[in-house]
Amino acid sequence: MFLLSLIDLQGEHHSIKSLVPLGKGHGVQVQAHVADTSFIFVKVGLGFHVQCSLPEALRIASDKELELQAKLDSHTSDICQIKARITLMEEGIQAMQEE
């Protein structure tokens, strides 16, 4: 994760060089020099970014990870239910064809 790498680097250096994406989905990146790594901007949604200290950014990332894990668990459950319904329907169709 880039954020964890950034925190590791902060202890050693006060500036970093990084590739920054330009636009959405175009694969175009530019090299950026970040002179002060004590604060970073975190994307919070709807096009908004918040300036945070590194510990605050870690908390936001952790909260987002928990949110995404809950969504993943919910979708996984939905998939299992759909698979079970498909299996039930296949068995029903197969039983009808045997009659």
N, C-alpha and C. Protein backbone atom coordinates (compact mmCIF):
# COMPACT_ATOMS: atom_id res chain seq x y z
N MET A 1 0.85 -1.18 0.00
CA MET A 1 0.00 0.00 0.00
C MET A 1 0.90 1.24 0.00
N PHE A 2 0.59 2.19 -0.86
CA PHE A 2 1.41 3.38 -1.02
C PHE A 2 1.50 4.18 0.27
N LEU A 3 0.39 4.28 1.01
CA LEU A 3 0.37 5.09 2.22
C LEU A 3 1.35 4.54 3.26
N LEU A 4 1.38 3.23 3.42
CA LEU A 4 2.32 2.63 4.38
C LEU A 4 3.75 2.86 3.93
N SER A 5 4.00 2.77 2.63
CA SER A 5 5.34 3.04 2.11
C SER A 5 5.73 4.49 2.37
N LEU A 6 4.76 5.38 2.22
CA LEU A 6 5.03 6.80 2.45
C LEU A 6 5.39 7.05 3.90
N ILE A 7 4.69 6.40 4.81
CA ILE A 7 4.99 6.60 6.23
C ILE A 7 6.37 6.05 6.56
N ASP A 8 6.73 4.91 5.98
CA ASP A 8 8.07 4.37 6.18
C ASP A 8 9.13 5.34 5.66
N LEU A 9 8.88 5.93 4.51
CA LEU A 9 9.84 6.86 3.91
C LEU A 9 9.95 8.15 4.73
N GLN A 10 8.85 8.54 5.36
CA GLN A 10 8.87 9.81 6.07
C GLN A 10 9.90 9.81 7.19
N GLY A 11 10.08 8.65 7.82
CA GLY A 11 11.08 8.57 8.88
C GLY A 11 12.48 8.81 8.36
N GLU A 12 12.73 8.50 7.09
CA GLU A 12 14.06 8.62 6.52
C GLU A 12 14.25 9.94 5.77
N HIS A 13 13.21 10.40 5.09
CA HIS A 13 13.32 11.57 4.22
C HIS A 13 12.13 12.50 4.49
N HIS A 14 12.28 13.73 4.07
CA HIS A 14 11.19 14.67 4.19
C HIS A 14 10.59 15.03 2.84
N SER A 15 11.04 14.36 1.79
CA SER A 15 10.48 14.58 0.47
C SER A 15 10.51 13.26 -0.29
N ILE A 16 9.63 13.14 -1.28
CA ILE A 16 9.59 11.94 -2.11
C ILE A 16 9.32 12.32 -3.55
N LYS A 17 9.63 11.40 -4.44
CA LYS A 17 9.25 11.52 -5.84
C LYS A 17 8.26 10.40 -6.12
N SER A 18 7.22 10.72 -6.87
CA SER A 18 6.18 9.72 -7.13
C SER A 18 5.57 9.97 -8.50
N LEU A 19 4.96 8.91 -9.06
CA LEU A 19 4.18 9.08 -10.29
C LEU A 19 2.75 9.39 -9.90
N VAL A 20 2.19 10.43 -10.52
CA VAL A 20 0.84 10.88 -10.21
C VAL A 20 -0.02 10.75 -11.47
N PRO A 21 -1.17 10.08 -11.36
CA PRO A 21 -2.02 9.92 -12.55
C PRO A 21 -2.69 11.24 -12.95
N LEU A 22 -2.80 11.44 -14.25
CA LEU A 22 -3.52 12.61 -14.78
C LEU A 22 -4.83 12.12 -15.38
N GLY A 23 -5.94 12.61 -14.90
CA GLY A 23 -7.23 12.21 -15.44
C GLY A 23 -7.61 10.82 -14.99
N LYS A 24 -8.70 10.33 -15.58
CA LYS A 24 -9.23 9.03 -15.20
C LYS A 24 -9.02 8.03 -16.32
N GLY A 25 -8.40 6.91 -15.99
CA GLY A 25 -8.32 5.78 -16.90
C GLY A 25 -7.51 5.96 -18.17
N HIS A 26 -6.73 7.00 -18.27
CA HIS A 26 -5.96 7.22 -19.49
C HIS A 26 -4.56 6.64 -19.39
N GLY A 27 -4.14 6.26 -18.20
CA GLY A 27 -2.81 5.69 -18.02
C GLY A 27 -1.70 6.70 -18.16
N VAL A 28 -2.02 7.99 -18.17
CA VAL A 28 -1.00 9.03 -18.29
C VAL A 28 -0.59 9.45 -16.88
N GLN A 29 0.71 9.41 -16.64
CA GLN A 29 1.23 9.78 -15.33
C GLN A 29 2.39 10.76 -15.51
N VAL A 30 2.57 11.59 -14.48
CA VAL A 30 3.71 12.50 -14.47
C VAL A 30 4.48 12.29 -13.18
N GLN A 31 5.75 12.59 -13.22
CA GLN A 31 6.56 12.47 -12.02
C GLN A 31 6.38 13.74 -11.20
N ALA A 32 6.11 13.56 -9.91
CA ALA A 32 5.91 14.69 -9.01
C ALA A 32 6.94 14.63 -7.89
N HIS A 33 7.36 15.78 -7.46
CA HIS A 33 8.26 15.88 -6.31
C HIS A 33 7.45 16.48 -5.17
N VAL A 34 7.35 15.73 -4.06
CA VAL A 34 6.61 16.19 -2.89
C VAL A 34 7.64 16.65 -1.88
N ALA A 35 7.68 17.97 -1.66
CA ALA A 35 8.71 18.54 -0.79
C ALA A 35 8.45 18.27 0.69
N ASP A 36 7.18 18.25 1.10
CA ASP A 36 6.83 18.05 2.51
C ASP A 36 5.85 16.89 2.61
N THR A 37 6.26 15.82 3.26
CA THR A 37 5.41 14.64 3.38
C THR A 37 4.69 14.55 4.72
N SER A 38 4.68 15.63 5.48
CA SER A 38 4.00 15.58 6.79
C SER A 38 2.49 15.60 6.62
N PHE A 39 1.99 16.10 5.49
CA PHE A 39 0.57 16.08 5.20
C PHE A 39 0.37 15.53 3.79
N ILE A 40 -0.74 14.82 3.60
CA ILE A 40 -1.11 14.33 2.27
C ILE A 40 -2.58 14.61 2.04
N PHE A 41 -3.00 14.54 0.78
CA PHE A 41 -4.41 14.70 0.44
C PHE A 41 -5.01 13.32 0.20
N VAL A 42 -6.14 13.07 0.83
CA VAL A 42 -6.83 11.78 0.72
C VAL A 42 -8.15 12.01 0.02
N LYS A 43 -8.42 11.20 -1.02
CA LYS A 43 -9.68 11.28 -1.74
C LYS A 43 -10.78 10.69 -0.85
N VAL A 44 -11.80 11.48 -0.57
CA VAL A 44 -12.88 11.01 0.31
C VAL A 44 -14.18 10.79 -0.43
N GLY A 45 -14.23 11.11 -1.71
CA GLY A 45 -15.42 10.85 -2.52
C GLY A 45 -16.01 12.10 -3.11
N LEU A 46 -16.82 11.90 -4.14
CA LEU A 46 -17.49 13.00 -4.85
C LEU A 46 -16.51 14.08 -5.32
N GLY A 47 -15.29 13.67 -5.62
CA GLY A 47 -14.30 14.61 -6.12
C GLY A 47 -13.63 15.45 -5.05
N PHE A 48 -13.90 15.15 -3.78
CA PHE A 48 -13.31 15.93 -2.69
C PHE A 48 -12.07 15.23 -2.15
N HIS A 49 -11.08 16.04 -1.79
CA HIS A 49 -9.85 15.57 -1.16
C HIS A 49 -9.66 16.34 0.13
N VAL A 50 -9.17 15.64 1.16
CA VAL A 50 -8.97 16.26 2.47
C VAL A 50 -7.49 16.20 2.81
N GLN A 51 -6.95 17.32 3.31
CA GLN A 51 -5.57 17.33 3.75
C GLN A 51 -5.50 16.70 5.13
N CYS A 52 -4.64 15.69 5.28
CA CYS A 52 -4.55 14.94 6.53
C CYS A 52 -3.10 14.75 6.93
N SER A 53 -2.91 14.58 8.24
CA SER A 53 -1.60 14.11 8.69
C SER A 53 -1.53 12.63 8.35
N LEU A 54 -0.36 12.06 8.41
CA LEU A 54 -0.21 10.64 8.06
C LEU A 54 -1.01 9.72 8.99
N PRO A 55 -1.03 9.96 10.32
CA PRO A 55 -1.88 9.10 11.17
C PRO A 55 -3.37 9.23 10.84
N GLU A 56 -3.81 10.44 10.52
CA GLU A 56 -5.22 10.61 10.13
C GLU A 56 -5.51 9.87 8.82
N ALA A 57 -4.59 9.94 7.89
CA ALA A 57 -4.77 9.26 6.62
C ALA A 57 -4.82 7.75 6.82
N LEU A 58 -4.00 7.23 7.72
CA LEU A 58 -4.04 5.81 8.03
C LEU A 58 -5.40 5.41 8.61
N ARG A 59 -5.95 6.25 9.48
CA ARG A 59 -7.26 5.96 10.07
C ARG A 59 -8.33 5.95 8.99
N ILE A 60 -8.29 6.92 8.08
CA ILE A 60 -9.25 6.98 6.97
C ILE A 60 -9.11 5.74 6.10
N ALA A 61 -7.87 5.36 5.79
CA ALA A 61 -7.64 4.17 4.96
C ALA A 61 -8.13 2.91 5.66
N SER A 62 -7.92 2.82 6.96
CA SER A 62 -8.38 1.66 7.73
C SER A 62 -9.91 1.60 7.73
N ASP A 63 -10.56 2.74 7.94
CA ASP A 63 -12.03 2.79 7.91
C ASP A 63 -12.56 2.40 6.53
N LYS A 64 -11.91 2.88 5.48
CA LYS A 64 -12.31 2.55 4.11
C LYS A 64 -12.12 1.06 3.85
N GLU A 65 -11.02 0.50 4.36
CA GLU A 65 -10.77 -0.92 4.18
C GLU A 65 -11.87 -1.75 4.85
N LEU A 66 -12.28 -1.35 6.06
CA LEU A 66 -13.36 -2.06 6.75
C LEU A 66 -14.67 -1.95 5.98
N GLU A 67 -14.94 -0.77 5.44
CA GLU A 67 -16.16 -0.57 4.64
C GLU A 67 -16.15 -1.45 3.40
N LEU A 68 -15.02 -1.49 2.71
CA LEU A 68 -14.91 -2.32 1.50
C LEU A 68 -15.00 -3.81 1.83
N GLN A 69 -14.43 -4.22 2.98
CA GLN A 69 -14.52 -5.62 3.38
C GLN A 69 -15.97 -6.00 3.67
N ALA A 70 -16.73 -5.10 4.31
CA ALA A 70 -18.15 -5.37 4.58
C ALA A 70 -18.93 -5.50 3.27
N LYS A 71 -18.63 -4.63 2.29
CA LYS A 71 -19.28 -4.74 0.98
C LYS A 71 -18.92 -6.05 0.30
N LEU A 72 -17.65 -6.42 0.38
CA LEU A 72 -17.19 -7.67 -0.22
C LEU A 72 -17.92 -8.86 0.41
N ASP A 73 -18.02 -8.87 1.73
CA ASP A 73 -18.73 -9.95 2.42
C ASP A 73 -20.18 -10.01 2.00
N SER A 74 -20.82 -8.86 1.87
CA SER A 74 -22.23 -8.81 1.45
C SER A 74 -22.39 -9.34 0.03
N HIS A 75 -21.51 -8.91 -0.87
CA HIS A 75 -21.59 -9.38 -2.26
C HIS A 75 -21.29 -10.87 -2.37
N THR A 76 -20.35 -11.35 -1.56
CA THR A 76 -20.03 -12.77 -1.55
C THR A 76 -21.24 -13.58 -1.10
N SER A 77 -21.94 -13.09 -0.10
CA SER A 77 -23.16 -13.75 0.37
C SER A 77 -24.22 -13.76 -0.72
N ASP A 78 -24.39 -12.63 -1.40
CA ASP A 78 -25.35 -12.55 -2.50
C ASP A 78 -25.01 -13.55 -3.61
N ILE A 79 -23.73 -13.66 -3.93
CA ILE A 79 -23.28 -14.59 -4.97
C ILE A 79 -23.60 -16.03 -4.57
N CYS A 80 -23.35 -16.37 -3.32
CA CYS A 80 -23.64 -17.73 -2.85
C CYS A 80 -25.13 -18.03 -2.94
N GLN A 81 -25.97 -17.06 -2.60
CA GLN A 81 -27.42 -17.26 -2.70
C GLN A 81 -27.84 -17.45 -4.15
N ILE A 82 -27.29 -16.67 -5.04
CA ILE A 82 -27.63 -16.78 -6.47
C ILE A 82 -27.17 -18.14 -7.01
N LYS A 83 -25.96 -18.56 -6.63
CA LYS A 83 -25.46 -19.87 -7.07
C LYS A 83 -26.38 -20.98 -6.58
N ALA A 84 -26.84 -20.87 -5.34
CA ALA A 84 -27.74 -21.90 -4.79
C ALA A 84 -29.05 -21.92 -5.57
N ARG A 85 -29.58 -20.77 -5.92
CA ARG A 85 -30.82 -20.71 -6.71
C ARG A 85 -30.62 -21.31 -8.10
N ILE A 86 -29.48 -21.02 -8.71
CA ILE A 86 -29.18 -21.57 -10.04
C ILE A 86 -29.11 -23.09 -9.95
N THR A 87 -28.42 -23.60 -8.94
CA THR A 87 -28.32 -25.05 -8.77
C THR A 87 -29.69 -25.67 -8.59
N LEU A 88 -30.53 -25.04 -7.78
CA LEU A 88 -31.89 -25.53 -7.55
C LEU A 88 -32.69 -25.53 -8.85
N MET A 89 -32.57 -24.47 -9.63
CA MET A 89 -33.28 -24.39 -10.91
C MET A 89 -32.76 -25.46 -11.88
N GLU A 90 -31.46 -25.66 -11.93
CA GLU A 90 -30.90 -26.69 -12.82
C GLU A 90 -31.42 -28.07 -12.44
N GLU A 91 -31.47 -28.34 -11.14
CA GLU A 91 -31.98 -29.63 -10.68
C GLU A 91 -33.46 -29.79 -11.05
N GLY A 92 -34.21 -28.70 -10.91
CA GLY A 92 -35.63 -28.73 -11.28
C GLY A 92 -35.82 -28.98 -12.77
N ILE A 93 -35.04 -28.32 -13.59
CA ILE A 93 -35.11 -28.49 -15.05
C ILE A 93 -34.73 -29.92 -15.41
N GLN A 94 -33.69 -30.43 -14.79
CA GLN A 94 -33.22 -31.79 -15.05
C GLN A 94 -34.31 -32.81 -14.66
N ALA A 95 -34.95 -32.58 -13.54
CA ALA A 95 -36.03 -33.49 -13.09
C ALA A 95 -37.20 -33.45 -14.08
N MET A 96 -37.51 -32.26 -14.59
CA MET A 96 -38.62 -32.13 -15.55
C MET A 96 -38.27 -32.85 -16.87
N GLN A 97 -37.01 -32.78 -17.26
CA GLN A 97 -36.60 -33.42 -18.52
C GLN A 97 -36.63 -34.95 -18.40
N GLU A 98 -36.41 -35.46 -17.20
CA GLU A 98 -36.41 -36.90 -16.99
C GLU A 98 -37.83 -37.48 -16.98
N GLU A 99 -38.84 -36.67 -16.74
CA GLU A 99 -40.21 -37.16 -16.68
C GLU A 99 -40.79 -37.42 -18.04
